[in-house]
Every structure is written in C-alpha cells, then in structure tokens.
Amino acid sequence: MQQEPAPLTRHLRIHADRGFTVLEFRGEIDIATATEILPYLDRVTARPRARIVIDLRQVEFFDCSGLRLLYRARHRVLERDGRLHLVCTHPLTLRILRVTGLNRLLPPQPTLDAALEQPETTSGTS
C-alpha cells in the first residue's frame, strides 16, 4: 500500500509511482497557487526524459493560471524528450480543457492508473 505523500504546499503533493513523478494539484488553482506551484513544477520538468503525471482530481477551481501551468509543463517536458500525462474528472475543468483545445494536446484520463498505463505515443506530442 502506498503511503500518502506529505504536502509540499497546501495545493501540491508530489510522489513517485511506477517510474513516473505524480504531481497532485489540490483545491483552487488560481494565480496565487500557480505562483506557489511553479518552482516545484519547474524542478520536476527540468529533468531530461522526465515521466510526469499531473493529477487534477482534487482540484475544485481551475482558471487560466492553471492552464498556463499545464502548457508550461507540456512544453518543458517535450523539449527534454519526456512524457506528460494528465488525470482529470471535474466537469468544469474538463470543459476548460476542451474549450481551449488543451484536451487534444494532453488527453485527460479518468484515473491515475489509466494515465500511468498510457503508451508513449499519447504524451501530448501532436
């Protein structure tokens, strides 16, 4: 059984799972929390060939600041030949992803297991 990771911040937990670094965003992701999350996001996306999952299941509010975090993570990971997958189930966040077209670049998965099992070709390389 996996132990619950200690929070780095009130809005972010990071843990390893099956060779991936999982970033769990939590609560309200707005300009203030994006500023809080950004240094941790940049640290994990700076690694060559990083394998990352961003898990949004615990997010209650998500605005353009959150979108910027996702776009930034995607750009940085792909630039370093890594893999990035997304987990999201919240209807409003899924709608934001769909309206902005980010769902085509980072297809959201309904569970962490589904994201971890995605083949390399679905890492948002299109």
C-alpha atoms as a PDB file:
ATOM      1  CA  MET A   1       0.000   0.000   0.000  1.00  0.00           C
ATOM      2  CA  GLN A   2       1.293   3.426  -0.941  1.00  0.00           C
ATOM      3  CA  GLN A   3       1.718   5.964   1.807  1.00  0.00           C
ATOM      4  CA  GLU A   4       0.016   9.355   1.383  1.00  0.00           C
ATOM      5  CA  PRO A   5       2.708  11.815   0.290  1.00  0.00           C
ATOM      6  CA  ALA A   6       3.462  14.758   2.510  1.00  0.00           C
ATOM      7  CA  PRO A   7       2.232  18.048   1.079  1.00  0.00           C
ATOM      8  CA  LEU A   8       4.887  20.338  -0.360  1.00  0.00           C
ATOM      9  CA  THR A   9       2.318  23.095  -0.234  1.00  0.00           C
ATOM     10  CA  ARG A  10      -1.356  23.209   0.591  1.00  0.00           C
ATOM     11  CA  HIS A  11      -2.072  22.828  -3.124  1.00  0.00           C
ATOM     12  CA  LEU A  12       0.559  20.321  -4.265  1.00  0.00           C
ATOM     13  CA  ARG A  13       1.749  16.849  -3.370  1.00  0.00           C
ATOM     14  CA  ILE A  14       4.437  15.028  -5.319  1.00  0.00           C
ATOM     15  CA  HIS A  15       5.162  11.311  -5.234  1.00  0.00           C
ATOM     16  CA  ALA A  16       6.608   8.584  -7.431  1.00  0.00           C
ATOM     17  CA  ASP A  17       4.506   5.818  -8.963  1.00  0.00           C
ATOM     18  CA  ARG A  18       5.708   3.208 -11.474  1.00  0.00           C
ATOM     19  CA  GLY A  19       8.593   5.317 -12.735  1.00  0.00           C
ATOM     20  CA  PHE A  20       6.516   8.498 -13.036  1.00  0.00           C
ATOM     21  CA  THR A  21       6.603  11.624 -10.909  1.00  0.00           C
ATOM     22  CA  VAL A  22       2.993  12.386  -9.973  1.00  0.00           C
ATOM     23  CA  LEU A  23       2.063  15.979  -9.182  1.00  0.00           C
ATOM     24  CA  GLU A  24      -1.295  16.142  -7.399  1.00  0.00           C
ATOM     25  CA  PHE A  25      -2.794  19.612  -7.647  1.00  0.00           C
ATOM     26  CA  ARG A  26      -5.360  20.309  -4.902  1.00  0.00           C
ATOM     27  CA  GLY A  27      -8.002  22.895  -4.088  1.00  0.00           C
ATOM     28  CA  GLU A  28      -8.204  26.141  -6.027  1.00  0.00           C
ATOM     29  CA  ILE A  29      -5.660  26.597  -8.805  1.00  0.00           C
ATOM     30  CA  ASP A  30      -5.570  30.330  -9.446  1.00  0.00           C
ATOM     31  CA  ILE A  31      -2.862  32.977  -9.835  1.00  0.00           C
ATOM     32  CA  ALA A  32      -1.788  32.758  -6.182  1.00  0.00           C
ATOM     33  CA  THR A  33      -1.499  28.976  -6.091  1.00  0.00           C
ATOM     34  CA  ALA A  34       0.099  28.841  -9.545  1.00  0.00           C
ATOM     35  CA  THR A  35       2.892  31.039  -8.196  1.00  0.00           C
ATOM     36  CA  GLU A  36       3.256  28.633  -5.275  1.00  0.00           C
ATOM     37  CA  ILE A  37       3.326  25.517  -7.516  1.00  0.00           C
ATOM     38  CA  LEU A  38       5.580  26.877 -10.283  1.00  0.00           C
ATOM     39  CA  PRO A  39       9.005  26.295  -8.622  1.00  0.00           C
ATOM     40  CA  TYR A  40       8.160  22.629  -7.945  1.00  0.00           C
ATOM     41  CA  LEU A  41       6.758  22.169 -11.444  1.00  0.00           C
ATOM     42  CA  ASP A  42       9.873  23.696 -12.994  1.00  0.00           C
ATOM     43  CA  ARG A  43      12.146  21.476 -10.914  1.00  0.00           C
ATOM     44  CA  VAL A  44      10.500  18.205 -11.997  1.00  0.00           C
ATOM     45  CA  THR A  45      10.079  19.277 -15.640  1.00  0.00           C
ATOM     46  CA  ALA A  46      13.755  20.291 -15.904  1.00  0.00           C
ATOM     47  CA  ARG A  47      14.895  16.668 -15.829  1.00  0.00           C
ATOM     48  CA  PRO A  48      15.817  15.049 -19.146  1.00  0.00           C
ATOM     49  CA  ARG A  49      13.327  12.374 -20.266  1.00  0.00           C
ATOM     50  CA  ALA A  50      11.090  13.072 -17.253  1.00  0.00           C
ATOM     51  CA  ARG A  51       7.976  10.924 -16.943  1.00  0.00           C
ATOM     52  CA  ILE A  52       5.288  13.032 -15.288  1.00  0.00           C
ATOM     53  CA  VAL A  53       1.584  12.796 -14.498  1.00  0.00           C
ATOM     54  CA  ILE A  54      -0.354  15.860 -13.401  1.00  0.00           C
ATOM     55  CA  ASP A  55      -3.373  14.765 -11.385  1.00  0.00           C
ATOM     56  CA  LEU A  56      -6.212  17.308 -11.180  1.00  0.00           C
ATOM     57  CA  ARG A  57      -8.815  15.092  -9.475  1.00  0.00           C
ATOM     58  CA  GLN A  58      -8.598  17.035  -6.202  1.00  0.00           C
ATOM     59  CA  VAL A  59      -8.951  20.437  -7.901  1.00  0.00           C
ATOM     60  CA  GLU A  60     -12.089  22.402  -7.028  1.00  0.00           C
ATOM     61  CA  PHE A  61     -11.393  25.525  -9.122  1.00  0.00           C
ATOM     62  CA  PHE A  62      -9.168  25.908 -12.174  1.00  0.00           C
ATOM     63  CA  ASP A  63      -8.579  29.097 -14.146  1.00  0.00           C
ATOM     64  CA  CYS A  64      -6.198  30.371 -16.842  1.00  0.00           C
ATOM     65  CA  SER A  65      -3.320  30.274 -14.340  1.00  0.00           C
ATOM     66  CA  GLY A  66      -3.767  26.525 -14.141  1.00  0.00           C
ATOM     67  CA  LEU A  67      -3.845  26.303 -17.929  1.00  0.00           C
ATOM     68  CA  ARG A  68      -0.546  28.175 -18.070  1.00  0.00           C
ATOM     69  CA  LEU A  69       0.969  25.642 -15.657  1.00  0.00           C
ATOM     70  CA  LEU A  70      -0.173  22.754 -17.887  1.00  0.00           C
ATOM     71  CA  TYR A  71       1.090  24.388 -21.100  1.00  0.00           C
ATOM     72  CA  ARG A  72       4.406  25.206 -19.416  1.00  0.00           C
ATOM     73  CA  ALA A  73       4.810  21.659 -18.098  1.00  0.00           C
ATOM     74  CA  ARG A  74       3.986  20.191 -21.505  1.00  0.00           C
ATOM     75  CA  HIS A  75       6.453  22.453 -23.309  1.00  0.00           C
ATOM     76  CA  ARG A  76       9.278  21.782 -20.843  1.00  0.00           C
ATOM     77  CA  VAL A  77       8.759  18.010 -20.772  1.00  0.00           C
ATOM     78  CA  LEU A  78       8.537  17.618 -24.556  1.00  0.00           C
ATOM     79  CA  GLU A  79      11.568  19.871 -25.022  1.00  0.00           C
ATOM     80  CA  ARG A  80      13.560  17.362 -22.934  1.00  0.00           C
ATOM     81  CA  ASP A  81      12.156  14.216 -24.625  1.00  0.00           C
ATOM     82  CA  GLY A  82       9.947  13.332 -21.673  1.00  0.00           C
ATOM     83  CA  ARG A  83       6.385  12.130 -21.224  1.00  0.00           C
ATOM     84  CA  LEU A  84       3.496  14.018 -19.662  1.00  0.00           C
ATOM     85  CA  HIS A  85       0.026  12.682 -18.917  1.00  0.00           C
ATOM     86  CA  LEU A  86      -2.994  14.290 -17.297  1.00  0.00           C
ATOM     87  CA  VAL A  87      -5.689  12.980 -14.940  1.00  0.00           C
ATOM     88  CA  CYS A  88      -8.902  14.975 -14.680  1.00  0.00           C
ATOM     89  CA  THR A  89     -12.528  14.174 -13.847  1.00  0.00           C
ATOM     90  CA  HIS A  90     -14.044  17.509 -12.756  1.00  0.00           C
ATOM     91  CA  PRO A  91     -16.687  18.542 -15.336  1.00  0.00           C
ATOM     92  CA  LEU A  92     -15.848  22.265 -15.301  1.00  0.00           C
ATOM     93  CA  THR A  93     -12.109  21.669 -15.590  1.00  0.00           C
ATOM     94  CA  LEU A  94     -12.720  19.192 -18.416  1.00  0.00           C
ATOM     95  CA  ARG A  95     -14.823  21.854 -20.138  1.00  0.00           C
ATOM     96  CA  ILE A  96     -11.990  24.408 -19.840  1.00  0.00           C
ATOM     97  CA  LEU A  97      -9.573  21.867 -21.306  1.00  0.00           C
ATOM     98  CA  ARG A  98     -11.983  21.149 -24.153  1.00  0.00           C
ATOM     99  CA  VAL A  99     -12.785  24.810 -24.949  1.00  0.00           C
ATOM    100  CA  THR A 100      -9.096  25.750 -25.042  1.00  0.00           C
ATOM    101  CA  GLY A 101      -8.112  22.669 -27.060  1.00  0.00           C
ATOM    102  CA  LEU A 102      -5.651  21.511 -24.409  1.00  0.00           C
ATOM    103  CA  ASN A 103      -7.544  18.219 -24.199  1.00  0.00           C
ATOM    104  CA  ARG A 104      -6.175  17.383 -27.667  1.00  0.00           C
ATOM    105  CA  LEU A 105      -2.590  18.061 -26.574  1.00  0.00           C
ATOM    106  CA  LEU A 106      -2.948  16.401 -23.162  1.00  0.00           C
ATOM    107  CA  PRO A 107      -5.844  13.942 -23.338  1.00  0.00           C
ATOM    108  CA  PRO A 108      -7.239  13.725 -19.791  1.00  0.00           C
ATOM    109  CA  GLN A 109      -7.520  10.282 -18.247  1.00  0.00           C
ATOM    110  CA  PRO A 110     -10.166   9.407 -15.623  1.00  0.00           C
ATOM    111  CA  THR A 111      -7.795   7.645 -13.192  1.00  0.00           C
ATOM    112  CA  LEU A 112      -4.147   7.649 -12.209  1.00  0.00           C
ATOM    113  CA  ASP A 113      -3.860   4.021 -13.336  1.00  0.00           C
ATOM    114  CA  ALA A 114      -5.167   4.947 -16.794  1.00  0.00           C
ATOM    115  CA  ALA A 115      -2.621   7.764 -17.085  1.00  0.00           C
ATOM    116  CA  LEU A 116       0.263   5.583 -15.932  1.00  0.00           C
ATOM    117  CA  GLU A 117      -0.664   2.914 -18.475  1.00  0.00           C
ATOM    118  CA  GLN A 118      -0.787   5.300 -21.458  1.00  0.00           C
ATOM    119  CA  PRO A 119       1.572   4.407 -24.304  1.00  0.00           C
ATOM    120  CA  GLU A 120       4.374   6.814 -25.066  1.00  0.00           C
ATOM    121  CA  THR A 121       2.671   7.999 -28.249  1.00  0.00           C
ATOM    122  CA  THR A 122      -0.081   9.749 -26.242  1.00  0.00           C
ATOM    123  CA  SER A 123       2.262  12.042 -24.309  1.00  0.00           C
ATOM    124  CA  GLY A 124       0.965  15.149 -25.997  1.00  0.00           C
ATOM    125  CA  THR A 125       3.429  15.110 -28.880  1.00  0.00           C
ATOM    126  CA  SER A 126       0.966  16.318 -31.505  1.00  0.00           C
END
